[in-house]
PDB file of N, CA and C in Angstrom:
ATOM      1  N   MET A   1     -14.980  91.057-107.994  1.00  0.00           N
ATOM      2  CA  MET A   1     -15.721  92.208-107.558  1.00  0.00           C
ATOM      3  C   MET A   1     -15.798  92.273-106.034  1.00  0.00           C
ATOM      4  N   LYS A   2     -15.989  91.107-105.419  1.00  0.00           N
ATOM      5  CA  LYS A   2     -16.052  91.075-103.963  1.00  0.00           C
ATOM      6  C   LYS A   2     -14.720  91.520-103.349  1.00  0.00           C
ATOM      7  N   ALA A   3     -13.633  91.158-104.009  1.00  0.00           N
ATOM      8  CA  ALA A   3     -12.317  91.536-103.496  1.00  0.00           C
ATOM      9  C   ALA A   3     -12.142  93.053-103.525  1.00  0.00           C
ATOM     10  N   VAL A   4     -12.662  93.682-104.573  1.00  0.00           N
ATOM     11  CA  VAL A   4     -12.563  95.132-104.679  1.00  0.00           C
ATOM     12  C   VAL A   4     -13.380  95.799-103.584  1.00  0.00           C
ATOM     13  N   ILE A   5     -14.569  95.280-103.340  1.00  0.00           N
ATOM     14  CA  ILE A   5     -15.430  95.834-102.292  1.00  0.00           C
ATOM     15  C   ILE A   5     -14.783  95.644-100.925  1.00  0.00           C
ATOM     16  N   ARG A   6     -14.228  94.465-100.687  1.00  0.00           N
ATOM     17  CA  ARG A   6     -13.558  94.201 -99.411  1.00  0.00           C
ATOM     18  C   ARG A   6     -12.367  95.133 -99.214  1.00  0.00           C
ATOM     19  N   ALA A   7     -11.592  95.319-100.269  1.00  0.00           N
ATOM     20  CA  ALA A   7     -10.427  96.194-100.180  1.00  0.00           C
ATOM     21  C   ALA A   7     -10.855  97.635 -99.906  1.00  0.00           C
ATOM     22  N   SER A   8     -11.939  98.053-100.529  1.00  0.00           N
ATOM     23  CA  SER A   8     -12.437  99.413-100.307  1.00  0.00           C
ATOM     24  C   SER A   8     -12.898  99.598 -98.874  1.00  0.00           C
ATOM     25  N   ILE A   9     -13.642  98.639 -98.363  1.00  0.00           N
ATOM     26  CA  ILE A   9     -14.131  98.721 -96.984  1.00  0.00           C
ATOM     27  C   ILE A   9     -12.969  98.685 -96.011  1.00  0.00           C
ATOM     28  N   LEU A  10     -12.012  97.806 -96.265  1.00  0.00           N
ATOM     29  CA  LEU A  10     -10.855  97.693 -95.388  1.00  0.00           C
ATOM     30  C   LEU A  10     -10.052  98.988 -95.364  1.00  0.00           C
ATOM     31  N   SER A  11      -9.890  99.613 -96.519  1.00  0.00           N
ATOM     32  CA  SER A  11      -9.127 100.864 -96.560  1.00  0.00           C
ATOM     33  C   SER A  11      -9.847 101.982 -95.814  1.00  0.00           C
ATOM     34  N   LEU A  12     -11.158 101.917 -95.757  1.00  0.00           N
ATOM     35  CA  LEU A  12     -11.907 102.926 -95.006  1.00  0.00           C
ATOM     36  C   LEU A  12     -11.843 102.691 -93.499  1.00  0.00           C
ATOM     37  N   LEU A  13     -11.728 101.439 -93.104  1.00  0.00           N
ATOM     38  CA  LEU A  13     -11.733 101.110 -91.687  1.00  0.00           C
ATOM     39  C   LEU A  13     -10.371 101.280 -91.032  1.00  0.00           C
ATOM     40  N   ILE A  14      -9.300 101.101 -91.782  1.00  0.00           N
ATOM     41  CA  ILE A  14      -7.954 101.222 -91.229  1.00  0.00           C
ATOM     42  C   ILE A  14      -7.586 102.696 -91.177  1.00  0.00           C
ATOM     43  N   PRO A  15      -7.180 103.188 -90.010  1.00  0.00           N
ATOM     44  CA  PRO A  15      -6.816 104.608 -89.924  1.00  0.00           C
ATOM     45  C   PRO A  15      -5.594 104.907 -90.764  1.00  0.00           C
ATOM     46  N   ASN A  16      -5.528 106.111 -91.252  1.00  0.00           N
ATOM     47  CA  ASN A  16      -4.418 106.539 -92.099  1.00  0.00           C
ATOM     48  C   ASN A  16      -3.292 107.062 -91.210  1.00  0.00           C
ATOM     49  N   PHE A  17      -2.312 106.205 -90.940  1.00  0.00           N
ATOM     50  CA  PHE A  17      -1.197 106.601 -90.086  1.00  0.00           C
ATOM     51  C   PHE A  17      -0.168 107.430 -90.843  1.00  0.00           C
ATOM     52  N   GLY A  18      -0.240 107.420 -92.173  1.00  0.00           N
ATOM     53  CA  GLY A  18       0.709 108.183 -92.971  1.00  0.00           C
ATOM     54  C   GLY A  18       0.407 109.674 -92.973  1.00  0.00           C
ATOM     55  N   ALA A  19      -0.840 110.032 -92.720  1.00  0.00           N
ATOM     56  CA  ALA A  19      -1.204 111.441 -92.716  1.00  0.00           C
ATOM     57  C   ALA A  19      -0.828 112.058 -91.376  1.00  0.00           C
ATOM     58  N   ALA A  20      -0.291 113.232 -91.442  1.00  0.00           N
ATOM     59  CA  ALA A  20       0.128 113.903 -90.216  1.00  0.00           C
ATOM     60  C   ALA A  20      -0.790 115.092 -89.953  1.00  0.00           C
ATOM     61  N   ALA A  21      -1.177 115.231 -88.724  1.00  0.00           N
ATOM     62  CA  ALA A  21      -1.979 116.383 -88.320  1.00  0.00           C
ATOM     63  C   ALA A  21      -1.070 117.298 -87.507  1.00  0.00           C
ATOM     64  N   PHE A  22      -0.684 118.411 -88.106  1.00  0.00           N
ATOM     65  CA  PHE A  22       0.226 119.324 -87.438  1.00  0.00           C
ATOM     66  C   PHE A  22      -0.552 120.467 -86.811  1.00  0.00           C
ATOM     67  N   SER A  23      -0.030 120.973 -85.719  1.00  0.00           N
ATOM     68  CA  SER A  23      -0.641 122.142 -85.089  1.00  0.00           C
ATOM     69  C   SER A  23      -0.229 123.387 -85.865  1.00  0.00           C
ATOM     70  N   ASP A  24      -0.853 124.511 -85.557  1.00  0.00           N
ATOM     71  CA  ASP A  24      -0.507 125.763 -86.233  1.00  0.00           C
ATOM     72  C   ASP A  24       0.947 126.141 -86.003  1.00  0.00           C
ATOM     73  N   ILE A  25       1.430 125.914 -84.800  1.00  0.00           N
ATOM     74  CA  ILE A  25       2.824 126.235 -84.477  1.00  0.00           C
ATOM     75  C   ILE A  25       3.764 125.379 -85.319  1.00  0.00           C
ATOM     76  N   GLU A  26       3.466 124.096 -85.408  1.00  0.00           N
ATOM     77  CA  GLU A  26       4.315 123.193 -86.194  1.00  0.00           C
ATOM     78  C   GLU A  26       4.275 123.560 -87.673  1.00  0.00           C
ATOM     79  N   ILE A  27       3.110 123.944 -88.163  1.00  0.00           N
ATOM     80  CA  ILE A  27       2.989 124.346 -89.568  1.00  0.00           C
ATOM     81  C   ILE A  27       3.843 125.583 -89.831  1.00  0.00           C
ATOM     82  N   LYS A  28       3.816 126.544 -88.905  1.00  0.00           N
ATOM     83  CA  LYS A  28       4.630 127.754 -89.060  1.00  0.00           C
ATOM     84  C   LYS A  28       6.115 127.418 -89.013  1.00  0.00           C
ATOM     85  N   GLN A  29       6.495 126.521 -88.106  1.00  0.00           N
ATOM     86  CA  GLN A  29       7.906 126.121 -88.009  1.00  0.00           C
ATOM     87  C   GLN A  29       8.359 125.426 -89.290  1.00  0.00           C
ATOM     88  N   LEU A  30       7.517 124.537 -89.814  1.00  0.00           N
ATOM     89  CA  LEU A  30       7.861 123.844 -91.059  1.00  0.00           C
ATOM     90  C   LEU A  30       7.958 124.832 -92.219  1.00  0.00           C
ATOM     91  N   ASP A  31       7.078 125.814 -92.237  1.00  0.00           N
ATOM     92  CA  ASP A  31       7.123 126.830 -93.280  1.00  0.00           C
ATOM     93  C   ASP A  31       8.420 127.633 -93.197  1.00  0.00           C
ATOM     94  N   GLU A  32       8.828 127.981 -91.983  1.00  0.00           N
ATOM     95  CA  GLU A  32      10.090 128.713 -91.795  1.00  0.00           C
ATOM     96  C   GLU A  32      11.281 127.871 -92.250  1.00  0.00           C
ATOM     97  N   ILE A  33      11.259 126.586 -91.930  1.00  0.00           N
ATOM     98  CA  ILE A  33      12.332 125.680 -92.359  1.00  0.00           C
ATOM     99  C   ILE A  33      12.378 125.610 -93.879  1.00  0.00           C
ATOM    100  N   ASN A  34      11.212 125.496 -94.511  1.00  0.00           N
ATOM    101  CA  ASN A  34      11.162 125.428 -95.972  1.00  0.00           C
ATOM    102  C   ASN A  34      11.695 126.704 -96.603  1.00  0.00           C
ATOM    103  N   LYS A  35      11.310 127.859 -96.048  1.00  0.00           N
ATOM    104  CA  LYS A  35      11.794 129.137 -96.587  1.00  0.00           C
ATOM    105  C   LYS A  35      13.302 129.249 -96.424  1.00  0.00           C
ATOM    106  N   SER A  36      13.792 128.851 -95.250  1.00  0.00           N
ATOM    107  CA  SER A  36      15.234 128.907 -94.996  1.00  0.00           C
ATOM    108  C   SER A  36      15.984 127.978 -95.952  1.00  0.00           C
ATOM    109  N   SER A  37      15.456 126.788 -96.152  1.00  0.00           N
ATOM    110  CA  SER A  37      16.097 125.834 -97.067  1.00  0.00           C
ATOM    111  C   SER A  37      16.117 126.363 -98.488  1.00  0.00           C
ATOM    112  N   THR A  38      15.024 126.987 -98.902  1.00  0.00           N
ATOM    113  CA  THR A  38      14.956 127.549-100.254  1.00  0.00           C
ATOM    114  C   THR A  38      15.971 128.671-100.412  1.00  0.00           C
ATOM    115  N   THR A  39      16.083 129.524 -99.398  1.00  0.00           N
ATOM    116  CA  THR A  39      17.058 130.611 -99.436  1.00  0.00           C
ATOM    117  C   THR A  39      18.479 130.064 -99.524  1.00  0.00           C
ATOM    118  N   GLN A  40      18.779 129.058 -98.711  1.00  0.00           N
ATOM    119  CA  GLN A  40      20.117 128.455 -98.729  1.00  0.00           C
ATOM    120  C   GLN A  40      20.394 127.786-100.068  1.00  0.00           C
ATOM    121  N   MET A  41      19.394 127.116-100.620  1.00  0.00           N
ATOM    122  CA  MET A  41      19.574 126.439-101.900  1.00  0.00           C
ATOM    123  C   MET A  41      19.843 127.457-103.009  1.00  0.00           C
ATOM    124  N   ASN A  42      19.102 128.560-102.995  1.00  0.00           N
ATOM    125  CA  ASN A  42      19.311 129.599-104.007  1.00  0.00           C
ATOM    126  C   ASN A  42      20.697 130.229-103.867  1.00  0.00           C
ATOM    127  N   ALA A  43      21.137 130.451-102.639  1.00  0.00           N
ATOM    128  CA  ALA A  43      22.479 131.006-102.408  1.00  0.00           C
ATOM    129  C   ALA A  43      23.553 130.036-102.891  1.00  0.00           C
ATOM    130  N   ALA A  44      23.361 128.756-102.625  1.00  0.00           N
ATOM    131  CA  ALA A  44      24.329 127.747-103.070  1.00  0.00           C
ATOM    132  C   ALA A  44      24.367 127.666-104.591  1.00  0.00           C
ATOM    133  N   HIS A  45      23.198 127.771-105.211  1.00  0.00           N
ATOM    134  CA  HIS A  45      23.132 127.729-106.669  1.00  0.00           C
ATOM    135  C   HIS A  45      23.856 128.935-107.272  1.00  0.00           C
ATOM    136  N   LEU A  46      23.641 130.105-106.698  1.00  0.00           N
ATOM    137  CA  LEU A  46      24.320 131.311-107.162  1.00  0.00           C
ATOM    138  C   LEU A  46      25.834 131.182-106.992  1.00  0.00           C
ATOM    139  N   SER A  47      26.251 130.648-105.853  1.00  0.00           N
ATOM    140  CA  SER A  47      27.673 130.446-105.597  1.00  0.00           C
ATOM    141  C   SER A  47      28.280 129.464-106.603  1.00  0.00           C
ATOM    142  N   LEU A  48      27.542 128.413-106.914  1.00  0.00           N
ATOM    143  CA  LEU A  48      28.013 127.431-107.902  1.00  0.00           C
ATOM    144  C   LEU A  48      28.158 128.082-109.271  1.00  0.00           C
ATOM    145  N   ARG A  49      27.169 128.874-109.676  1.00  0.00           N
ATOM    146  CA  ARG A  49      27.234 129.569-110.974  1.00  0.00           C
ATOM    147  C   ARG A  49      28.468 130.478-111.031  1.00  0.00           C
ATOM    148  N   LYS A  50      28.728 131.208-109.937  1.00  0.00           N
ATOM    149  CA  LYS A  50      29.896 132.090-109.894  1.00  0.00           C
ATOM    150  C   LYS A  50      31.189 131.283-109.986  1.00  0.00           C
ATOM    151  N   ALA A  51      31.238 130.155-109.274  1.00  0.00           N
ATOM    152  CA  ALA A  51      32.432 129.317-109.302  1.00  0.00           C
ATOM    153  C   ALA A  51      32.670 128.747-110.702  1.00  0.00           C
ATOM    154  N   ILE A  52      31.610 128.367-111.371  1.00  0.00           N
ATOM    155  CA  ILE A  52      31.752 127.830-112.728  1.00  0.00           C
ATOM    156  C   ILE A  52      32.233 128.923-113.673  1.00  0.00           C
ATOM    157  N   SER A  53      31.654 130.113-113.533  1.00  0.00           N
ATOM    158  CA  SER A  53      32.085 131.233-114.381  1.00  0.00           C
ATOM    159  C   SER A  53      33.552 131.569-114.148  1.00  0.00           C
ATOM    160  N   THR A  54      33.962 131.587-112.891  1.00  0.00           N
ATOM    161  CA  THR A  54      35.363 131.864-112.560  1.00  0.00           C
ATOM    162  C   THR A  54      36.282 130.784-113.123  1.00  0.00           C
ATOM    163  N   ALA A  55      35.860 129.523-112.993  1.00  0.00           N
ATOM    164  CA  ALA A  55      36.670 128.420-113.516  1.00  0.00           C
ATOM    165  C   ALA A  55      36.831 128.533-115.030  1.00  0.00           C
ATOM    166  N   ILE A  56      35.763 128.934-115.707  1.00  0.00           N
ATOM    167  CA  ILE A  56      35.839 129.093-117.164  1.00  0.00           C
ATOM    168  C   ILE A  56      36.748 130.264-117.530  1.00  0.00           C
ATOM    169  N   GLU A  57      36.640 131.360-116.778  1.00  0.00           N
ATOM    170  CA  GLU A  57      37.501 132.521-117.047  1.00  0.00           C
ATOM    171  C   GLU A  57      38.968 132.185-116.800  1.00  0.00           C
ATOM    172  N   ASP A  58      39.242 131.418-115.743  1.00  0.00           N
ATOM    173  CA  ASP A  58      40.623 131.068-115.405  1.00  0.00           C
ATOM    174  C   ASP A  58      41.191 129.975-116.306  1.00  0.00           C
ATOM    175  N   ASN A  59      40.340 129.147-116.876  1.00  0.00           N
ATOM    176  CA  ASN A  59      40.782 128.020-117.707  1.00  0.00           C
ATOM    177  C   ASN A  59      39.962 127.947-118.991  1.00  0.00           C
ATOM    178  N   PRO A  60      40.084 128.916-119.865  1.00  0.00           N
ATOM    179  CA  PRO A  60      39.257 128.911-121.080  1.00  0.00           C
ATOM    180  C   PRO A  60      39.491 127.682-121.964  1.00  0.00           C
ATOM    181  N   GLU A  61      40.676 127.104-121.867  1.00  0.00           N
ATOM    182  CA  GLU A  61      40.956 125.914-122.678  1.00  0.00           C
ATOM    183  C   GLU A  61      40.220 124.675-122.162  1.00  0.00           C
ATOM    184  N   LYS A  62      39.717 124.737-120.956  1.00  0.00           N
ATOM    185  CA  LYS A  62      39.014 123.588-120.368  1.00  0.00           C
ATOM    186  C   LYS A  62      37.512 123.826-120.251  1.00  0.00           C
ATOM    187  N   ILE A  63      36.996 124.738-121.058  1.00  0.00           N
ATOM    188  CA  ILE A  63      35.581 125.090-120.950  1.00  0.00           C
ATOM    189  C   ILE A  63      34.676 123.879-121.171  1.00  0.00           C
ATOM    190  N   GLN A  64      35.013 123.035-122.135  1.00  0.00           N
ATOM    191  CA  GLN A  64      34.177 121.864-122.418  1.00  0.00           C
ATOM    192  C   GLN A  64      34.161 120.908-121.228  1.00  0.00           C
ATOM    193  N   LEU A  65      35.303 120.687-120.606  1.00  0.00           N
ATOM    194  CA  LEU A  65      35.369 119.799-119.445  1.00  0.00           C
ATOM    195  C   LEU A  65      34.570 120.357-118.264  1.00  0.00           C
ATOM    196  N   ILE A  66      34.652 121.658-118.070  1.00  0.00           N
ATOM    197  CA  ILE A  66      33.926 122.293-116.963  1.00  0.00           C
ATOM    198  C   ILE A  66      32.424 122.172-117.188  1.00  0.00           C
ATOM    199  N   ILE A  67      31.981 122.409-118.396  1.00  0.00           N
ATOM    200  CA  ILE A  67      30.550 122.291-118.712  1.00  0.00           C
ATOM    201  C   ILE A  67      30.088 120.843-118.565  1.00  0.00           C
ATOM    202  N   GLU A  68      30.897 119.897-119.027  1.00  0.00           N
ATOM    203  CA  GLU A  68      30.534 118.481-118.884  1.00  0.00           C
ATOM    204  C   GLU A  68      30.448 118.075-117.411  1.00  0.00           C
ATOM    205  N   LEU A  69      31.369 118.567-116.600  1.00  0.00           N
ATOM    206  CA  LEU A  69      31.340 118.276-115.168  1.00  0.00           C
ATOM    207  C   LEU A  69      30.078 118.852-114.527  1.00  0.00           C
ATOM    208  N   ASP A  70      29.741 120.075-114.883  1.00  0.00           N
ATOM    209  CA  ASP A  70      28.527 120.706-114.359  1.00  0.00           C
ATOM    210  C   ASP A  70      27.284 119.906-114.762  1.00  0.00           C
ATOM    211  N   THR A  71      27.230 119.487-116.005  1.00  0.00           N
ATOM    212  CA  THR A  71      26.091 118.706-116.492  1.00  0.00           C
ATOM    213  C   THR A  71      25.997 117.373-115.760  1.00  0.00           C
ATOM    214  N   ALA A  72      27.120 116.686-115.608  1.00  0.00           N
ATOM    215  CA  ALA A  72      27.131 115.400-114.906  1.00  0.00           C
ATOM    216  C   ALA A  72      26.701 115.571-113.450  1.00  0.00           C
ATOM    217  N   TRP A  73      27.143 116.656-112.830  1.00  0.00           N
ATOM    218  CA  TRP A  73      26.780 116.926-111.433  1.00  0.00           C
ATOM    219  C   TRP A  73      25.273 117.130-111.307  1.00  0.00           C
ATOM    220  N   ARG A  74      24.692 117.900-112.232  1.00  0.00           N
ATOM    221  CA  ARG A  74      23.240 118.139-112.196  1.00  0.00           C
ATOM    222  C   ARG A  74      22.449 116.849-112.372  1.00  0.00           C
ATOM    223  N   VAL A  75      22.896 116.005-113.288  1.00  0.00           N
ATOM    224  CA  VAL A  75      22.217 114.730-113.524  1.00  0.00           C
ATOM    225  C   VAL A  75      22.267 113.874-112.267  1.00  0.00           C
ATOM    226  N   MET A  76      23.416 113.827-111.609  1.00  0.00           N
ATOM    227  CA  MET A  76      23.564 113.024-110.390  1.00  0.00           C
ATOM    228  C   MET A  76      22.652 113.558-109.282  1.00  0.00           C
ATOM    229  N   ILE A  77      22.604 114.875-109.134  1.00  0.00           N
ATOM    230  CA  ILE A  77      21.757 115.493-108.109  1.00  0.00           C
ATOM    231  C   ILE A  77      20.291 115.201-108.387  1.00  0.00           C
ATOM    232  N   GLU A  78      19.880 115.322-109.636  1.00  0.00           N
ATOM    233  CA  GLU A  78      18.477 115.064-109.988  1.00  0.00           C
ATOM    234  C   GLU A  78      18.084 113.617-109.700  1.00  0.00           C
ATOM    235  N   LYS A  79      19.000 112.690-109.905  1.00  0.00           N
ATOM    236  CA  LYS A  79      18.727 111.278-109.616  1.00  0.00           C
ATOM    237  C   LYS A  79      18.574 111.038-108.116  1.00  0.00           C
ATOM    238  N   LYS A  80      19.316 111.797-107.302  1.00  0.00           N
ATOM    239  CA  LYS A  80      19.273 111.603-105.854  1.00  0.00           C
ATOM    240  C   LYS A  80      18.114 112.347-105.183  1.00  0.00           C
ATOM    241  N   MET A  81      17.533 113.326-105.873  1.00  0.00           N
ATOM    242  CA  MET A  81      16.436 114.090-105.279  1.00  0.00           C
ATOM    243  C   MET A  81      15.166 113.242-105.273  1.00  0.00           C
ATOM    244  N   PRO A  82      14.469 113.241-104.143  1.00  0.00           N
ATOM    245  CA  PRO A  82      13.214 112.487-104.100  1.00  0.00           C
ATOM    246  C   PRO A  82      12.172 113.115-105.010  1.00  0.00           C
ATOM    247  N   ALA A  83      11.345 112.279-105.555  1.00  0.00           N
ATOM    248  CA  ALA A  83      10.318 112.771-106.471  1.00  0.00           C
ATOM    249  C   ALA A  83       9.147 113.355-105.751  1.00  0.00           C
TER     250      ALA A  83
END
């Protein structure tokens, strides 16, 4: 019990260096970056969908391979994305 109390007191006394205090300008800049990244990501996703559709239209006999490649790519990306 004493260890828990000590840990609690210690956590209150040590400043939180992980928290960032951003100014209004920095918050706006970060928001713009996030919006731009989201727009680019959506455009890339749309482009990928079009490329997959074109690949399927051009190679109907390889539809299963194309779908498997797309699925494997998504799984790899999801594993690399931070939680």
